[in-house]
Amino acid sequence: MAKRDYYEVLGVAKNAAEDEIKKAYRKLAMKHHPDRNQGDEAKKAEEKFKEAKEAYEMLTDPQKRAAYDSTATPASTRAWAAAARVPRASVALPKRSATSSATSSAVPAGSAAAPAASRSFAAAT
């Protein structure tokens, strides 16, 4: 299934306010909720429900919406949705090697004269 534009999914304009987006999402969620659709139409309704939820989550977060608006194409929609699910805290920083720490600074990391960046990095390792 090809991804559609999030604004198209919810049926709102690109300059829609958050309350308009919320209202459109609730309407679609009630219509396509899996508990309300049984039988042959259940699978299609579930897909539309998930699509509406994904669109709502993207468009109600100001940072995600700004990023989506600046680069959104139907092909990039899936990439943005996947990126939105990855928590930033899960990204691991590389460890410093012994040679790079010896050549980078003559001031010990714990001293008051050390730059703030080296103090925070030393505390993190």
PDB file of N, CA and C in Angstrom:
ATOM      1  N   MET A   1       0.833  -1.171   0.000  1.00  0.00           N
ATOM      2  CA  MET A   1       0.000   0.000   0.000  1.00  0.00           C
ATOM      3  C   MET A   1       0.884   1.242   0.000  1.00  0.00           C
ATOM      4  N   ALA A   2       0.666   2.132  -0.946  1.00  0.00           N
ATOM      5  CA  ALA A   2       1.441   3.362  -1.038  1.00  0.00           C
ATOM      6  C   ALA A   2       1.000   4.332   0.052  1.00  0.00           C
ATOM      7  N   LYS A   3       1.969   5.005   0.640  1.00  0.00           N
ATOM      8  CA  LYS A   3       1.662   5.975   1.692  1.00  0.00           C
ATOM      9  C   LYS A   3       1.084   7.228   1.068  1.00  0.00           C
ATOM     10  N   ARG A   4       0.081   7.767   1.722  1.00  0.00           N
ATOM     11  CA  ARG A   4      -0.550   9.005   1.280  1.00  0.00           C
ATOM     12  C   ARG A   4      -0.062  10.153   2.139  1.00  0.00           C
ATOM     13  N   ASP A   5      -0.288  11.350   1.654  1.00  0.00           N
ATOM     14  CA  ASP A   5       0.042  12.547   2.403  1.00  0.00           C
ATOM     15  C   ASP A   5      -0.781  12.564   3.686  1.00  0.00           C
ATOM     16  N   TYR A   6      -0.170  12.909   4.819  1.00  0.00           N
ATOM     17  CA  TYR A   6      -0.875  12.893   6.098  1.00  0.00           C
ATOM     18  C   TYR A   6      -2.064  13.853   6.120  1.00  0.00           C
ATOM     19  N   TYR A   7      -1.922  14.978   5.471  1.00  0.00           N
ATOM     20  CA  TYR A   7      -3.039  15.928   5.419  1.00  0.00           C
ATOM     21  C   TYR A   7      -4.205  15.329   4.631  1.00  0.00           C
ATOM     22  N   GLU A   8      -3.878  14.611   3.584  1.00  0.00           N
ATOM     23  CA  GLU A   8      -4.899  13.953   2.768  1.00  0.00           C
ATOM     24  C   GLU A   8      -5.589  12.844   3.560  1.00  0.00           C
ATOM     25  N   VAL A   9      -4.828  12.119   4.334  1.00  0.00           N
ATOM     26  CA  VAL A   9      -5.386  11.032   5.146  1.00  0.00           C
ATOM     27  C   VAL A   9      -6.456  11.569   6.089  1.00  0.00           C
ATOM     28  N   LEU A  10      -6.148  12.679   6.762  1.00  0.00           N
ATOM     29  CA  LEU A  10      -7.089  13.254   7.728  1.00  0.00           C
ATOM     30  C   LEU A  10      -8.127  14.162   7.079  1.00  0.00           C
ATOM     31  N   GLY A  11      -7.883  14.539   5.834  1.00  0.00           N
ATOM     32  CA  GLY A  11      -8.833  15.403   5.144  1.00  0.00           C
ATOM     33  C   GLY A  11      -8.814  16.836   5.640  1.00  0.00           C
ATOM     34  N   VAL A  12      -7.636  17.346   5.973  1.00  0.00           N
ATOM     35  CA  VAL A  12      -7.495  18.720   6.452  1.00  0.00           C
ATOM     36  C   VAL A  12      -6.524  19.483   5.552  1.00  0.00           C
ATOM     37  N   ALA A  13      -6.571  20.802   5.632  1.00  0.00           N
ATOM     38  CA  ALA A  13      -5.659  21.647   4.870  1.00  0.00           C
ATOM     39  C   ALA A  13      -4.285  21.671   5.535  1.00  0.00           C
ATOM     40  N   LYS A  14      -3.271  22.029   4.774  1.00  0.00           N
ATOM     41  CA  LYS A  14      -1.909  22.080   5.315  1.00  0.00           C
ATOM     42  C   LYS A  14      -1.744  23.129   6.411  1.00  0.00           C
ATOM     43  N   ASN A  15      -2.602  24.123   6.418  1.00  0.00           N
ATOM     44  CA  ASN A  15      -2.507  25.149   7.461  1.00  0.00           C
ATOM     45  C   ASN A  15      -3.540  24.928   8.570  1.00  0.00           C
ATOM     46  N   ALA A  16      -4.040  23.718   8.707  1.00  0.00           N
ATOM     47  CA  ALA A  16      -5.063  23.404   9.703  1.00  0.00           C
ATOM     48  C   ALA A  16      -4.511  23.556  11.121  1.00  0.00           C
ATOM     49  N   ALA A  17      -5.350  24.057  11.996  1.00  0.00           N
ATOM     50  CA  ALA A  17      -4.985  24.190  13.407  1.00  0.00           C
ATOM     51  C   ALA A  17      -5.043  22.820  14.079  1.00  0.00           C
ATOM     52  N   GLU A  18      -4.418  22.741  15.243  1.00  0.00           N
ATOM     53  CA  GLU A  18      -4.353  21.461  15.956  1.00  0.00           C
ATOM     54  C   GLU A  18      -5.736  20.936  16.325  1.00  0.00           C
ATOM     55  N   ASP A  19      -6.662  21.825  16.672  1.00  0.00           N
ATOM     56  CA  ASP A  19      -8.006  21.364  17.025  1.00  0.00           C
ATOM     57  C   ASP A  19      -8.756  20.806  15.813  1.00  0.00           C
ATOM     58  N   GLU A  20      -8.496  21.345  14.616  1.00  0.00           N
ATOM     59  CA  GLU A  20      -9.094  20.793  13.398  1.00  0.00           C
ATOM     60  C   GLU A  20      -8.541  19.398  13.106  1.00  0.00           C
ATOM     61  N   ILE A  21      -7.253  19.243  13.303  1.00  0.00           N
ATOM     62  CA  ILE A  21      -6.603  17.947  13.080  1.00  0.00           C
ATOM     63  C   ILE A  21      -7.154  16.926  14.062  1.00  0.00           C
ATOM     64  N   LYS A  22      -7.294  17.326  15.308  1.00  0.00           N
ATOM     65  CA  LYS A  22      -7.816  16.426  16.336  1.00  0.00           C
ATOM     66  C   LYS A  22      -9.248  15.999  16.018  1.00  0.00           C
ATOM     67  N   LYS A  23     -10.066  16.940  15.586  1.00  0.00           N
ATOM     68  CA  LYS A  23     -11.453  16.647  15.252  1.00  0.00           C
ATOM     69  C   LYS A  23     -11.549  15.673  14.070  1.00  0.00           C
ATOM     70  N   ALA A  24     -10.737  15.905  13.046  1.00  0.00           N
ATOM     71  CA  ALA A  24     -10.724  15.017  11.880  1.00  0.00           C
ATOM     72  C   ALA A  24     -10.250  13.621  12.264  1.00  0.00           C
ATOM     73  N   TYR A  25      -9.218  13.551  13.118  1.00  0.00           N
ATOM     74  CA  TYR A  25      -8.710  12.248  13.560  1.00  0.00           C
ATOM     75  C   TYR A  25      -9.768  11.478  14.346  1.00  0.00           C
ATOM     76  N   ARG A  26     -10.431  12.140  15.263  1.00  0.00           N
ATOM     77  CA  ARG A  26     -11.450  11.460  16.073  1.00  0.00           C
ATOM     78  C   ARG A  26     -12.575  10.901  15.202  1.00  0.00           C
ATOM     79  N   LYS A  27     -12.967  11.679  14.202  1.00  0.00           N
ATOM     80  CA  LYS A  27     -14.024  11.240  13.298  1.00  0.00           C
ATOM     81  C   LYS A  27     -13.600   9.973  12.555  1.00  0.00           C
ATOM     82  N   LEU A  28     -12.363   9.982  12.030  1.00  0.00           N
ATOM     83  CA  LEU A  28     -11.868   8.802  11.316  1.00  0.00           C
ATOM     84  C   LEU A  28     -11.643   7.619  12.265  1.00  0.00           C
ATOM     85  N   ALA A  29     -11.161   7.899  13.461  1.00  0.00           N
ATOM     86  CA  ALA A  29     -10.911   6.828  14.427  1.00  0.00           C
ATOM     87  C   ALA A  29     -12.209   6.124  14.811  1.00  0.00           C
ATOM     88  N   MET A  30     -13.251   6.894  15.008  1.00  0.00           N
ATOM     89  CA  MET A  30     -14.549   6.284  15.337  1.00  0.00           C
ATOM     90  C   MET A  30     -15.088   5.466  14.162  1.00  0.00           C
ATOM     91  N   LYS A  31     -14.900   5.972  12.965  1.00  0.00           N
ATOM     92  CA  LYS A  31     -15.416   5.289  11.777  1.00  0.00           C
ATOM     93  C   LYS A  31     -14.672   3.987  11.500  1.00  0.00           C
ATOM     94  N   HIS A  32     -13.344   3.989  11.663  1.00  0.00           N
ATOM     95  CA  HIS A  32     -12.531   2.842  11.267  1.00  0.00           C
ATOM     96  C   HIS A  32     -12.004   2.019  12.441  1.00  0.00           C
ATOM     97  N   HIS A  33     -12.480   2.263  13.643  1.00  0.00           N
ATOM     98  CA  HIS A  33     -11.978   1.526  14.799  1.00  0.00           C
ATOM     99  C   HIS A  33     -12.260   0.030  14.619  1.00  0.00           C
ATOM    100  N   PRO A  34     -11.291  -0.827  14.949  1.00  0.00           N
ATOM    101  CA  PRO A  34     -11.469  -2.270  14.775  1.00  0.00           C
ATOM    102  C   PRO A  34     -12.663  -2.857  15.535  1.00  0.00           C
ATOM    103  N   ASP A  35     -13.024  -2.285  16.666  1.00  0.00           N
ATOM    104  CA  ASP A  35     -14.172  -2.798  17.422  1.00  0.00           C
ATOM    105  C   ASP A  35     -15.499  -2.495  16.732  1.00  0.00           C
ATOM    106  N   ARG A  36     -15.538  -1.484  15.901  1.00  0.00           N
ATOM    107  CA  ARG A  36     -16.767  -1.106  15.206  1.00  0.00           C
ATOM    108  C   ARG A  36     -16.918  -1.794  13.855  1.00  0.00           C
ATOM    109  N   ASN A  37     -15.862  -2.382  13.346  1.00  0.00           N
ATOM    110  CA  ASN A  37     -15.887  -3.022  12.027  1.00  0.00           C
ATOM    111  C   ASN A  37     -15.566  -4.495  12.156  1.00  0.00           C
ATOM    112  N   GLN A  38     -16.494  -5.312  11.772  1.00  0.00           N
ATOM    113  CA  GLN A  38     -16.322  -6.761  11.857  1.00  0.00           C
ATOM    114  C   GLN A  38     -16.522  -7.367  10.467  1.00  0.00           C
ATOM    115  N   GLY A  39     -16.126  -8.600  10.316  1.00  0.00           N
ATOM    116  CA  GLY A  39     -16.362  -9.316   9.071  1.00  0.00           C
ATOM    117  C   GLY A  39     -15.356  -8.980   7.991  1.00  0.00           C
ATOM    118  N   ASP A  40     -15.851  -8.854   6.752  1.00  0.00           N
ATOM    119  CA  ASP A  40     -14.993  -8.666   5.592  1.00  0.00           C
ATOM    120  C   ASP A  40     -14.255  -7.329   5.590  1.00  0.00           C
ATOM    121  N   GLU A  41     -14.856  -6.319   6.125  1.00  0.00           N
ATOM    122  CA  GLU A  41     -14.281  -4.974   6.096  1.00  0.00           C
ATOM    123  C   GLU A  41     -13.308  -4.708   7.252  1.00  0.00           C
ATOM    124  N   ALA A  42     -13.146  -5.639   8.156  1.00  0.00           N
ATOM    125  CA  ALA A  42     -12.340  -5.422   9.357  1.00  0.00           C
ATOM    126  C   ALA A  42     -10.878  -5.103   9.027  1.00  0.00           C
ATOM    127  N   LYS A  43     -10.293  -5.828   8.092  1.00  0.00           N
ATOM    128  CA  LYS A  43      -8.877  -5.632   7.764  1.00  0.00           C
ATOM    129  C   LYS A  43      -8.637  -4.259   7.132  1.00  0.00           C
ATOM    130  N   LYS A  44      -9.504  -3.862   6.195  1.00  0.00           N
ATOM    131  CA  LYS A  44      -9.375  -2.544   5.558  1.00  0.00           C
ATOM    132  C   LYS A  44      -9.559  -1.430   6.578  1.00  0.00           C
ATOM    133  N   ALA A  45     -10.527  -1.594   7.449  1.00  0.00           N
ATOM    134  CA  ALA A  45     -10.802  -0.585   8.472  1.00  0.00           C
ATOM    135  C   ALA A  45      -9.617  -0.452   9.428  1.00  0.00           C
ATOM    136  N   GLU A  46      -9.009  -1.572   9.778  1.00  0.00           N
ATOM    137  CA  GLU A  46      -7.862  -1.542  10.681  1.00  0.00           C
ATOM    138  C   GLU A  46      -6.690  -0.795  10.040  1.00  0.00           C
ATOM    139  N   GLU A  47      -6.448  -1.019   8.758  1.00  0.00           N
ATOM    140  CA  GLU A  47      -5.373  -0.318   8.055  1.00  0.00           C
ATOM    141  C   GLU A  47      -5.631   1.185   8.011  1.00  0.00           C
ATOM    142  N   LYS A  48      -6.867   1.569   7.735  1.00  0.00           N
ATOM    143  CA  LYS A  48      -7.212   2.988   7.699  1.00  0.00           C
ATOM    144  C   LYS A  48      -7.106   3.610   9.081  1.00  0.00           C
ATOM    145  N   PHE A  49      -7.459   2.863  10.110  1.00  0.00           N
ATOM    146  CA  PHE A  49      -7.336   3.343  11.486  1.00  0.00           C
ATOM    147  C   PHE A  49      -5.869   3.609  11.828  1.00  0.00           C
ATOM    148  N   LYS A  50      -4.995   2.674  11.474  1.00  0.00           N
ATOM    149  CA  LYS A  50      -3.569   2.828  11.749  1.00  0.00           C
ATOM    150  C   LYS A  50      -2.985   4.006  10.968  1.00  0.00           C
ATOM    151  N   GLU A  51      -3.420   4.167   9.723  1.00  0.00           N
ATOM    152  CA  GLU A  51      -2.946   5.266   8.898  1.00  0.00           C
ATOM    153  C   GLU A  51      -3.365   6.618   9.496  1.00  0.00           C
ATOM    154  N   ALA A  52      -4.596   6.706   9.970  1.00  0.00           N
ATOM    155  CA  ALA A  52      -5.091   7.935  10.587  1.00  0.00           C
ATOM    156  C   ALA A  52      -4.326   8.229  11.879  1.00  0.00           C
ATOM    157  N   LYS A  53      -4.044   7.201  12.654  1.00  0.00           N
ATOM    158  CA  LYS A  53      -3.303   7.382  13.905  1.00  0.00           C
ATOM    159  C   LYS A  53      -1.886   7.890  13.623  1.00  0.00           C
ATOM    160  N   GLU A  54      -1.245   7.317  12.631  1.00  0.00           N
ATOM    161  CA  GLU A  54       0.098   7.735  12.248  1.00  0.00           C
ATOM    162  C   GLU A  54       0.102   9.203  11.793  1.00  0.00           C
ATOM    163  N   ALA A  55      -0.887   9.576  11.000  1.00  0.00           N
ATOM    164  CA  ALA A  55      -0.998  10.956  10.519  1.00  0.00           C
ATOM    165  C   ALA A  55      -1.233  11.910  11.690  1.00  0.00           C
ATOM    166  N   TYR A  56      -2.102  11.533  12.603  1.00  0.00           N
ATOM    167  CA  TYR A  56      -2.404  12.373  13.761  1.00  0.00           C
ATOM    168  C   TYR A  56      -1.164  12.588  14.625  1.00  0.00           C
ATOM    169  N   GLU A  57      -0.422  11.521  14.886  1.00  0.00           N
ATOM    170  CA  GLU A  57       0.782  11.626  15.714  1.00  0.00           C
ATOM    171  C   GLU A  57       1.824  12.537  15.066  1.00  0.00           C
ATOM    172  N   MET A  58       1.931  12.473  13.746  1.00  0.00           N
ATOM    173  CA  MET A  58       2.911  13.296  13.045  1.00  0.00           C
ATOM    174  C   MET A  58       2.492  14.766  13.036  1.00  0.00           C
ATOM    175  N   LEU A  59       1.235  15.030  12.801  1.00  0.00           N
ATOM    176  CA  LEU A  59       0.788  16.416  12.614  1.00  0.00           C
ATOM    177  C   LEU A  59       0.509  17.160  13.913  1.00  0.00           C
ATOM    178  N   THR A  60       0.362  16.471  15.029  1.00  0.00           N
ATOM    179  CA  THR A  60       0.109  17.170  16.287  1.00  0.00           C
ATOM    180  C   THR A  60       1.387  17.514  17.042  1.00  0.00           C
ATOM    181  N   ASP A  61       2.494  16.906  16.699  1.00  0.00           N
ATOM    182  CA  ASP A  61       3.776  17.253  17.307  1.00  0.00           C
ATOM    183  C   ASP A  61       4.398  18.380  16.472  1.00  0.00           C
ATOM    184  N   PRO A  62       4.598  19.562  17.051  1.00  0.00           N
ATOM    185  CA  PRO A  62       5.096  20.703  16.266  1.00  0.00           C
ATOM    186  C   PRO A  62       6.427  20.458  15.558  1.00  0.00           C
ATOM    187  N   GLN A  63       7.355  19.779  16.216  1.00  0.00           N
ATOM    188  CA  GLN A  63       8.656  19.518  15.597  1.00  0.00           C
ATOM    189  C   GLN A  63       8.531  18.526  14.443  1.00  0.00           C
ATOM    190  N   LYS A  64       7.795  17.452  14.646  1.00  0.00           N
ATOM    191  CA  LYS A  64       7.610  16.455  13.588  1.00  0.00           C
ATOM    192  C   LYS A  64       6.873  17.064  12.406  1.00  0.00           C
ATOM    193  N   ARG A  65       5.879  17.903  12.703  1.00  0.00           N
ATOM    194  CA  ARG A  65       5.085  18.525  11.639  1.00  0.00           C
ATOM    195  C   ARG A  65       5.946  19.473  10.809  1.00  0.00           C
ATOM    196  N   ALA A  66       6.776  20.272  11.465  1.00  0.00           N
ATOM    197  CA  ALA A  66       7.647  21.199  10.741  1.00  0.00           C
ATOM    198  C   ALA A  66       8.619  20.440   9.843  1.00  0.00           C
ATOM    199  N   ALA A  67       9.191  19.360  10.367  1.00  0.00           N
ATOM    200  CA  ALA A  67      10.110  18.560   9.568  1.00  0.00           C
ATOM    201  C   ALA A  67       9.376  17.893   8.406  1.00  0.00           C
ATOM    202  N   TYR A  68       8.185  17.393   8.660  1.00  0.00           N
ATOM    203  CA  TYR A  68       7.381  16.747   7.620  1.00  0.00           C
ATOM    204  C   TYR A  68       6.999  17.755   6.541  1.00  0.00           C
ATOM    205  N   ASP A  69       6.565  18.931   6.953  1.00  0.00           N
ATOM    206  CA  ASP A  69       6.161  19.958   5.995  1.00  0.00           C
ATOM    207  C   ASP A  69       7.318  20.400   5.107  1.00  0.00           C
ATOM    208  N   SER A  70       8.517  20.428   5.636  1.00  0.00           N
ATOM    209  CA  SER A  70       9.658  20.902   4.861  1.00  0.00           C
ATOM    210  C   SER A  70      10.143  19.882   3.836  1.00  0.00           C
ATOM    211  N   THR A  71       9.892  18.601   4.067  1.00  0.00           N
ATOM    212  CA  THR A  71      10.437  17.582   3.160  1.00  0.00           C
ATOM    213  C   THR A  71       9.428  16.540   2.717  1.00  0.00           C
ATOM    214  N   ALA A  72       8.178  16.696   3.038  1.00  0.00           N
ATOM    215  CA  ALA A  72       7.202  15.641   2.801  1.00  0.00           C
ATOM    216  C   ALA A  72       6.915  15.403   1.325  1.00  0.00           C
ATOM    217  N   THR A  73       7.042  14.159   0.958  1.00  0.00           N
ATOM    218  CA  THR A  73       6.569  13.640  -0.320  1.00  0.00           C
ATOM    219  C   THR A  73       5.959  12.294   0.019  1.00  0.00           C
ATOM    220  N   PRO A  74       5.098  11.748  -0.790  1.00  0.00           N
ATOM    221  CA  PRO A  74       4.533  10.438  -0.459  1.00  0.00           C
ATOM    222  C   PRO A  74       5.602   9.364  -0.222  1.00  0.00           C
ATOM    223  N   ALA A  75       6.729   9.448  -0.926  1.00  0.00           N
ATOM    224  CA  ALA A  75       7.785   8.448  -0.748  1.00  0.00           C
ATOM    225  C   ALA A  75       8.512   8.605   0.581  1.00  0.00           C
ATOM    226  N   SER A  76       8.624   9.835   1.087  1.00  0.00           N
ATOM    227  CA  SER A  76       9.365  10.056   2.325  1.00  0.00           C
ATOM    228  C   SER A  76       8.506   9.894   3.571  1.00  0.00           C
ATOM    229  N   THR A  77       7.225   9.725   3.407  1.00  0.00           N
ATOM    230  CA  THR A  77       6.325   9.616   4.547  1.00  0.00           C
ATOM    231  C   THR A  77       6.701   8.449   5.443  1.00  0.00           C
ATOM    232  N   ARG A  78       6.983   7.322   4.867  1.00  0.00           N
ATOM    233  CA  ARG A  78       7.339   6.136   5.654  1.00  0.00           C
ATOM    234  C   ARG A  78       8.623   6.363   6.439  1.00  0.00           C
ATOM    235  N   ALA A  79       9.600   7.021   5.835  1.00  0.00           N
ATOM    236  CA  ALA A  79      10.869   7.279   6.534  1.00  0.00           C
ATOM    237  C   ALA A  79      10.652   8.176   7.747  1.00  0.00           C
ATOM    238  N   TRP A  80       9.812   9.203   7.609  1.00  0.00           N
ATOM    239  CA  TRP A  80       9.536  10.091   8.735  1.00  0.00           C
ATOM    240  C   TRP A  80       8.803   9.348   9.839  1.00  0.00           C
ATOM    241  N   ALA A  81       7.882   8.489   9.470  1.00  0.00           N
ATOM    242  CA  ALA A  81       7.136   7.744  10.476  1.00  0.00           C
ATOM    243  C   ALA A  81       8.069   6.813  11.247  1.00  0.00           C
ATOM    244  N   ALA A  82       8.996   6.180  10.550  1.00  0.00           N
ATOM    245  CA  ALA A  82       9.946   5.287  11.212  1.00  0.00           C
ATOM    246  C   ALA A  82      10.893   6.075  12.109  1.00  0.00           C
ATOM    247  N   ALA A  83      11.336   7.228  11.653  1.00  0.00           N
ATOM    248  CA  ALA A  83      12.248   8.050  12.451  1.00  0.00           C
ATOM    249  C   ALA A  83      11.561   8.577  13.700  1.00  0.00           C
ATOM    250  N   ALA A  84      10.281   8.817  13.614  1.00  0.00           N
ATOM    251  CA  ALA A  84       9.544   9.344  14.753  1.00  0.00           C
ATOM    252  C   ALA A  84       9.426   8.318  15.872  1.00  0.00           C
ATOM    253  N   ARG A  85       9.532   7.055  15.547  1.00  0.00           N
ATOM    254  CA  ARG A  85       9.386   5.996  16.552  1.00  0.00           C
ATOM    255  C   ARG A  85      10.681   5.694  17.297  1.00  0.00           C
ATOM    256  N   VAL A  86      11.831   6.177  16.821  1.00  0.00           N
ATOM    257  CA  VAL A  86      13.119   5.873  17.439  1.00  0.00           C
ATOM    258  C   VAL A  86      13.412   6.892  18.522  1.00  0.00           C
ATOM    259  N   PRO A  87      13.499   6.473  19.791  1.00  0.00           N
ATOM    260  CA  PRO A  87      13.822   7.423  20.854  1.00  0.00           C
ATOM    261  C   PRO A  87      15.269   7.894  20.738  1.00  0.00           C
ATOM    262  N   ARG A  88      15.488   9.169  20.969  1.00  0.00           N
ATOM    263  CA  ARG A  88      16.825   9.732  20.827  1.00  0.00           C
ATOM    264  C   ARG A  88      17.792   9.187  21.880  1.00  0.00           C
ATOM    265  N   ALA A  89      17.314   8.821  23.029  1.00  0.00           N
ATOM    266  CA  ALA A  89      18.188   8.330  24.099  1.00  0.00           C
ATOM    267  C   ALA A  89      18.817   6.984  23.752  1.00  0.00           C
ATOM    268  N   SER A  90      18.300   6.278  22.762  1.00  0.00           N
ATOM    269  CA  SER A  90      18.836   4.971  22.426  1.00  0.00           C
ATOM    270  C   SER A  90      20.090   5.054  21.571  1.00  0.00           C
ATOM    271  N   VAL A  91      20.472   6.237  21.113  1.00  0.00           N
ATOM    272  CA  VAL A  91      21.658   6.397  20.298  1.00  0.00           C
ATOM    273  C   VAL A  91      22.877   6.417  21.221  1.00  0.00           C
ATOM    274  N   ALA A  92      23.815   5.498  20.999  1.00  0.00           N
ATOM    275  CA  ALA A  92      25.000   5.390  21.845  1.00  0.00           C
ATOM    276  C   ALA A  92      26.115   6.275  21.306  1.00  0.00           C
ATOM    277  N   LEU A  93      26.815   6.954  22.211  1.00  0.00           N
ATOM    278  CA  LEU A  93      27.959   7.767  21.829  1.00  0.00           C
ATOM    279  C   LEU A  93      29.191   6.883  21.756  1.00  0.00           C
ATOM    280  N   PRO A  94      30.094   7.167  20.825  1.00  0.00           N
ATOM    281  CA  PRO A  94      31.314   6.363  20.737  1.00  0.00           C
ATOM    282  C   PRO A  94      32.230   6.632  21.921  1.00  0.00           C
ATOM    283  N   LYS A  95      32.962   5.629  22.331  1.00  0.00           N
ATOM    284  CA  LYS A  95      33.921   5.762  23.428  1.00  0.00           C
ATOM    285  C   LYS A  95      35.178   6.447  22.913  1.00  0.00           C
ATOM    286  N   ARG A  96      35.807   7.230  23.761  1.00  0.00           N
ATOM    287  CA  ARG A  96      37.061   7.881  23.392  1.00  0.00           C
ATOM    288  C   ARG A  96      38.201   6.891  23.539  1.00  0.00           C
ATOM    289  N   SER A  97      39.113   6.942  22.612  1.00  0.00           N
ATOM    290  CA  SER A  97      40.282   6.075  22.715  1.00  0.00           C
ATOM    291  C   SER A  97      41.339   6.764  23.578  1.00  0.00           C
ATOM    292  N   ALA A  98      42.306   6.009  24.059  1.00  0.00           N
ATOM    293  CA  ALA A  98      43.354   6.540  24.926  1.00  0.00           C
ATOM    294  C   ALA A  98      44.217   7.555  24.182  1.00  0.00           C
ATOM    295  N   THR A  99      44.454   7.343  22.901  1.00  0.00           N
ATOM    296  CA  THR A  99      45.306   8.271  22.149  1.00  0.00           C
ATOM    297  C   THR A  99      44.610   9.597  21.901  1.00  0.00           C
ATOM    298  N   SER A 100      43.311   9.584  21.643  1.00  0.00           N
ATOM    299  CA  SER A 100      42.615  10.844  21.358  1.00  0.00           C
ATOM    300  C   SER A 100      42.450  11.687  22.617  1.00  0.00           C
ATOM    301  N   SER A 101      42.311  11.080  23.789  1.00  0.00           N
ATOM    302  CA  SER A 101      42.141  11.870  25.005  1.00  0.00           C
ATOM    303  C   SER A 101      43.456  12.498  25.443  1.00  0.00           C
ATOM    304  N   ALA A 102      44.578  11.851  25.150  1.00  0.00           N
ATOM    305  CA  ALA A 102      45.872  12.393  25.546  1.00  0.00           C
ATOM    306  C   ALA A 102      46.261  13.579  24.676  1.00  0.00           C
ATOM    307  N   THR A 103      45.887  13.577  23.419  1.00  0.00           N
ATOM    308  CA  THR A 103      46.286  14.652  22.516  1.00  0.00           C
ATOM    309  C   THR A 103      45.268  15.777  22.456  1.00  0.00           C
ATOM    310  N   SER A 104      44.050  15.555  22.916  1.00  0.00           N
ATOM    311  CA  SER A 104      43.009  16.564  22.749  1.00  0.00           C
ATOM    312  C   SER A 104      43.102  17.704  23.748  1.00  0.00           C
ATOM    313  N   SER A 105      43.610  17.468  24.957  1.00  0.00           N
ATOM    314  CA  SER A 105      43.620  18.531  25.952  1.00  0.00           C
ATOM    315  C   SER A 105      44.710  18.275  26.980  1.00  0.00           C
ATOM    316  N   ALA A 106      45.393  19.353  27.345  1.00  0.00           N
ATOM    317  CA  ALA A 106      46.413  19.244  28.378  1.00  0.00           C
ATOM    318  C   ALA A 106      45.801  19.465  29.747  1.00  0.00           C
ATOM    319  N   VAL A 107      44.568  19.946  29.821  1.00  0.00           N
ATOM    320  CA  VAL A 107      43.886  20.221  31.077  1.00  0.00           C
ATOM    321  C   VAL A 107      43.059  18.993  31.449  1.00  0.00           C
ATOM    322  N   PRO A 108      43.170  18.486  32.681  1.00  0.00           N
ATOM    323  CA  PRO A 108      42.369  17.327  33.084  1.00  0.00           C
ATOM    324  C   PRO A 108      40.877  17.627  32.976  1.00  0.00           C
ATOM    325  N   ALA A 109      40.082  16.621  32.640  1.00  0.00           N
ATOM    326  CA  ALA A 109      38.651  16.796  32.394  1.00  0.00           C
ATOM    327  C   ALA A 109      37.899  17.232  33.639  1.00  0.00           C
ATOM    328  N   GLY A 110      38.324  16.885  34.807  1.00  0.00           N
ATOM    329  CA  GLY A 110      37.606  17.228  36.027  1.00  0.00           C
ATOM    330  C   GLY A 110      37.922  18.612  36.573  1.00  0.00           C
ATOM    331  N   SER A 111      38.943  19.277  36.046  1.00  0.00           N
ATOM    332  CA  SER A 111      39.326  20.573  36.598  1.00  0.00           C
ATOM    333  C   SER A 111      38.370  21.673  36.158  1.00  0.00           C
ATOM    334  N   ALA A 112      38.412  22.785  36.885  1.00  0.00           N
ATOM    335  CA  ALA A 112      37.531  23.917  36.581  1.00  0.00           C
ATOM    336  C   ALA A 112      37.931  24.594  35.282  1.00  0.00           C
ATOM    337  N   ALA A 113      39.191  24.474  34.864  1.00  0.00           N
ATOM    338  CA  ALA A 113      39.669  25.128  33.648  1.00  0.00           C
ATOM    339  C   ALA A 113      39.317  24.329  32.393  1.00  0.00           C
ATOM    340  N   ALA A 114      38.871  23.111  32.553  1.00  0.00           N
ATOM    341  CA  ALA A 114      38.539  22.279  31.394  1.00  0.00           C
ATOM    342  C   ALA A 114      37.287  22.817  30.700  1.00  0.00           C
ATOM    343  N   PRO A 115      37.242  22.731  29.386  1.00  0.00           N
ATOM    344  CA  PRO A 115      36.039  23.179  28.665  1.00  0.00           C
ATOM    345  C   PRO A 115      34.820  22.371  29.081  1.00  0.00           C
ATOM    346  N   ALA A 116      33.640  22.969  28.986  1.00  0.00           N
ATOM    347  CA  ALA A 116      32.396  22.329  29.414  1.00  0.00           C
ATOM    348  C   ALA A 116      32.140  21.043  28.641  1.00  0.00           C
ATOM    349  N   ALA A 117      32.482  21.023  27.373  1.00  0.00           N
ATOM    350  CA  ALA A 117      32.227  19.832  26.555  1.00  0.00           C
ATOM    351  C   ALA A 117      33.047  18.641  27.048  1.00  0.00           C
ATOM    352  N   SER A 118      34.310  18.873  27.416  1.00  0.00           N
ATOM    353  CA  SER A 118      35.138  17.759  27.863  1.00  0.00           C
ATOM    354  C   SER A 118      34.704  17.293  29.258  1.00  0.00           C
ATOM    355  N   ARG A 119      34.233  18.236  30.111  1.00  0.00           N
ATOM    356  CA  ARG A 119      33.741  17.821  31.429  1.00  0.00           C
ATOM    357  C   ARG A 119      32.505  16.933  31.277  1.00  0.00           C
ATOM    358  N   SER A 120      31.570  17.328  30.411  1.00  0.00           N
ATOM    359  CA  SER A 120      30.358  16.529  30.268  1.00  0.00           C
ATOM    360  C   SER A 120      30.636  15.177  29.623  1.00  0.00           C
ATOM    361  N   PHE A 121      31.594  15.150  28.683  1.00  0.00           N
ATOM    362  CA  PHE A 121      31.931  13.886  28.049  1.00  0.00           C
ATOM    363  C   PHE A 121      32.631  12.968  29.041  1.00  0.00           C
ATOM    364  N   ALA A 122      33.499  13.547  29.861  1.00  0.00           N
ATOM    365  CA  ALA A 122      34.224  12.744  30.849  1.00  0.00           C
ATOM    366  C   ALA A 122      33.253  12.188  31.878  1.00  0.00           C
ATOM    367  N   ALA A 123      32.236  12.952  32.218  1.00  0.00           N
ATOM    368  CA  ALA A 123      31.244  12.486  33.188  1.00  0.00           C
ATOM    369  C   ALA A 123      30.381  11.384  32.600  1.00  0.00           C
ATOM    370  N   ALA A 124      30.166  11.420  31.299  1.00  0.00           N
ATOM    371  CA  ALA A 124      29.314  10.427  30.650  1.00  0.00           C
ATOM    372  C   ALA A 124      30.033   9.096  30.465  1.00  0.00           C
ATOM    373  N   THR A 125      31.375   9.101  30.421  1.00  0.00           N
ATOM    374  CA  THR A 125      32.112   7.861  30.180  1.00  0.00           C
ATOM    375  C   THR A 125      32.498   7.167  31.409  1.00  0.00           C
TER     376      THR A 125
END
